[in-house]
């Protein structure tokens, strides 16, 4: 479970931010907390799988939040696609 990927500044945290970036095709990987309410993360998982994204499940929302450098739980987080460097 390489949560160290979330130390990147190219991350988004939270259900709503992740959902927006997912719908616009800006994500390359999705992280979901196993202990989050299933009905909240189910749609995100389905959309990510339809778009061919990697989905990684994290044991606890608190661990996911800490990996994203926030002091609270996070049900979802994502990594944005890397922009081409100039």
C-alpha atoms as a PDB file:
ATOM      1  CA  UNK A   1       0.000   0.000   0.000  1.00  0.00           C
ATOM      2  CA  UNK A   2       2.179   2.879  -1.238  1.00  0.00           C
ATOM      3  CA  UNK A   3       0.491   5.757   0.548  1.00  0.00           C
ATOM      4  CA  UNK A   4       3.722   7.720   0.190  1.00  0.00           C
ATOM      5  CA  UNK A   5       2.460   8.618  -3.301  1.00  0.00           C
ATOM      6  CA  UNK A   6       0.021  10.971  -1.588  1.00  0.00           C
ATOM      7  CA  UNK A   7       2.878  13.136  -0.317  1.00  0.00           C
ATOM      8  CA  UNK A   8       2.866  14.633  -3.804  1.00  0.00           C
ATOM      9  CA  UNK A   9       1.471  18.135  -4.330  1.00  0.00           C
ATOM     10  CA  UNK A  10      -0.552  16.624  -7.206  1.00  0.00           C
ATOM     11  CA  UNK A  11      -3.167  15.185  -4.853  1.00  0.00           C
ATOM     12  CA  UNK A  12      -6.802  15.969  -4.181  1.00  0.00           C
ATOM     13  CA  UNK A  13      -8.483  15.063  -0.908  1.00  0.00           C
ATOM     14  CA  UNK A  14     -12.142  14.629  -0.035  1.00  0.00           C
ATOM     15  CA  UNK A  15     -15.169  13.136  -1.735  1.00  0.00           C
ATOM     16  CA  UNK A  16     -16.309  16.263  -3.550  1.00  0.00           C
ATOM     17  CA  UNK A  17     -12.899  17.322  -4.868  1.00  0.00           C
ATOM     18  CA  UNK A  18     -12.119  13.783  -5.979  1.00  0.00           C
ATOM     19  CA  UNK A  19     -15.501  13.472  -7.684  1.00  0.00           C
ATOM     20  CA  UNK A  20     -14.990  16.722  -9.628  1.00  0.00           C
ATOM     21  CA  UNK A  21     -11.501  15.768 -10.801  1.00  0.00           C
ATOM     22  CA  UNK A  22     -12.649  12.253 -11.682  1.00  0.00           C
ATOM     23  CA  UNK A  23     -15.514  13.543 -13.834  1.00  0.00           C
ATOM     24  CA  UNK A  24     -13.201  15.884 -15.730  1.00  0.00           C
ATOM     25  CA  UNK A  25     -10.675  13.101 -16.337  1.00  0.00           C
ATOM     26  CA  UNK A  26      -7.883  14.736 -14.345  1.00  0.00           C
ATOM     27  CA  UNK A  27      -7.036  11.782 -12.063  1.00  0.00           C
ATOM     28  CA  UNK A  28      -4.619   8.913 -12.614  1.00  0.00           C
ATOM     29  CA  UNK A  29      -5.159   6.980  -9.358  1.00  0.00           C
ATOM     30  CA  UNK A  30      -7.855   6.804  -6.699  1.00  0.00           C
ATOM     31  CA  UNK A  31      -7.532   5.936  -3.003  1.00  0.00           C
ATOM     32  CA  UNK A  32     -10.636   4.959  -1.005  1.00  0.00           C
ATOM     33  CA  UNK A  33     -11.022   4.210   2.701  1.00  0.00           C
ATOM     34  CA  UNK A  34     -12.474   0.803   3.566  1.00  0.00           C
ATOM     35  CA  UNK A  35     -14.158   2.163   6.681  1.00  0.00           C
ATOM     36  CA  UNK A  36     -15.952   4.982   4.833  1.00  0.00           C
ATOM     37  CA  UNK A  37     -19.663   4.594   4.169  1.00  0.00           C
ATOM     38  CA  UNK A  38     -19.875   2.294   1.178  1.00  0.00           C
ATOM     39  CA  UNK A  39     -22.656   4.238  -0.496  1.00  0.00           C
ATOM     40  CA  UNK A  40     -20.424   7.318  -0.535  1.00  0.00           C
ATOM     41  CA  UNK A  41     -17.426   5.693  -2.193  1.00  0.00           C
ATOM     42  CA  UNK A  42     -19.199   3.142  -4.396  1.00  0.00           C
ATOM     43  CA  UNK A  43     -19.971   5.611  -7.191  1.00  0.00           C
ATOM     44  CA  UNK A  44     -16.391   6.884  -7.175  1.00  0.00           C
ATOM     45  CA  UNK A  45     -15.044   3.358  -7.477  1.00  0.00           C
ATOM     46  CA  UNK A  46     -17.384   2.509 -10.356  1.00  0.00           C
ATOM     47  CA  UNK A  47     -16.505   5.686 -12.258  1.00  0.00           C
ATOM     48  CA  UNK A  48     -12.768   5.140 -11.733  1.00  0.00           C
ATOM     49  CA  UNK A  49     -12.949   1.554 -12.962  1.00  0.00           C
ATOM     50  CA  UNK A  50     -14.921   2.634 -16.044  1.00  0.00           C
ATOM     51  CA  UNK A  51     -12.196   5.162 -16.807  1.00  0.00           C
ATOM     52  CA  UNK A  52      -9.484   2.543 -16.329  1.00  0.00           C
ATOM     53  CA  UNK A  53      -7.931   4.101 -13.225  1.00  0.00           C
ATOM     54  CA  UNK A  54      -6.126   2.181 -10.515  1.00  0.00           C
ATOM     55  CA  UNK A  55      -8.174   2.037  -7.317  1.00  0.00           C
ATOM     56  CA  UNK A  56      -6.415   1.359  -4.043  1.00  0.00           C
ATOM     57  CA  UNK A  57      -8.277   0.629  -0.824  1.00  0.00           C
ATOM     58  CA  UNK A  58      -6.827   1.927   2.447  1.00  0.00           C
ATOM     59  CA  UNK A  59      -7.750   0.263   5.757  1.00  0.00           C
ATOM     60  CA  UNK A  60      -8.770   3.421   7.606  1.00  0.00           C
ATOM     61  CA  UNK A  61      -9.940   6.890   6.625  1.00  0.00           C
ATOM     62  CA  UNK A  62      -7.702   8.354   9.323  1.00  0.00           C
ATOM     63  CA  UNK A  63      -4.634   6.752   7.703  1.00  0.00           C
ATOM     64  CA  UNK A  64      -5.685   8.130   4.344  1.00  0.00           C
ATOM     65  CA  UNK A  65      -6.075  11.607   5.814  1.00  0.00           C
ATOM     66  CA  UNK A  66      -2.682  11.450   7.495  1.00  0.00           C
ATOM     67  CA  UNK A  67      -1.048  10.287   4.266  1.00  0.00           C
ATOM     68  CA  UNK A  68      -2.490  13.419   2.663  1.00  0.00           C
ATOM     69  CA  UNK A  69      -1.005  15.598   5.439  1.00  0.00           C
ATOM     70  CA  UNK A  70      -4.341  16.521   6.988  1.00  0.00           C
ATOM     71  CA  UNK A  71      -5.260  15.982  10.622  1.00  0.00           C
ATOM     72  CA  UNK A  72      -8.645  14.388   9.969  1.00  0.00           C
ATOM     73  CA  UNK A  73     -10.140  11.413   8.203  1.00  0.00           C
ATOM     74  CA  UNK A  74     -10.520  11.316   4.435  1.00  0.00           C
ATOM     75  CA  UNK A  75     -12.874   8.919   2.667  1.00  0.00           C
ATOM     76  CA  UNK A  76     -11.250   9.512  -0.715  1.00  0.00           C
ATOM     77  CA  UNK A  77      -8.123  10.942  -2.262  1.00  0.00           C
ATOM     78  CA  UNK A  78      -6.695  10.974  -5.737  1.00  0.00           C
ATOM     79  CA  UNK A  79      -3.554  11.707  -7.680  1.00  0.00           C
ATOM     80  CA  UNK A  80      -3.848  14.124 -10.570  1.00  0.00           C
ATOM     81  CA  UNK A  81      -2.331  13.314 -13.919  1.00  0.00           C
ATOM     82  CA  UNK A  82       1.133  14.728 -14.307  1.00  0.00           C
ATOM     83  CA  UNK A  83       1.308  17.763 -16.526  1.00  0.00           C
ATOM     84  CA  UNK A  84       3.903  17.826 -19.254  1.00  0.00           C
ATOM     85  CA  UNK A  85       6.964  19.730 -18.143  1.00  0.00           C
ATOM     86  CA  UNK A  86       8.150  22.585 -20.306  1.00  0.00           C
END
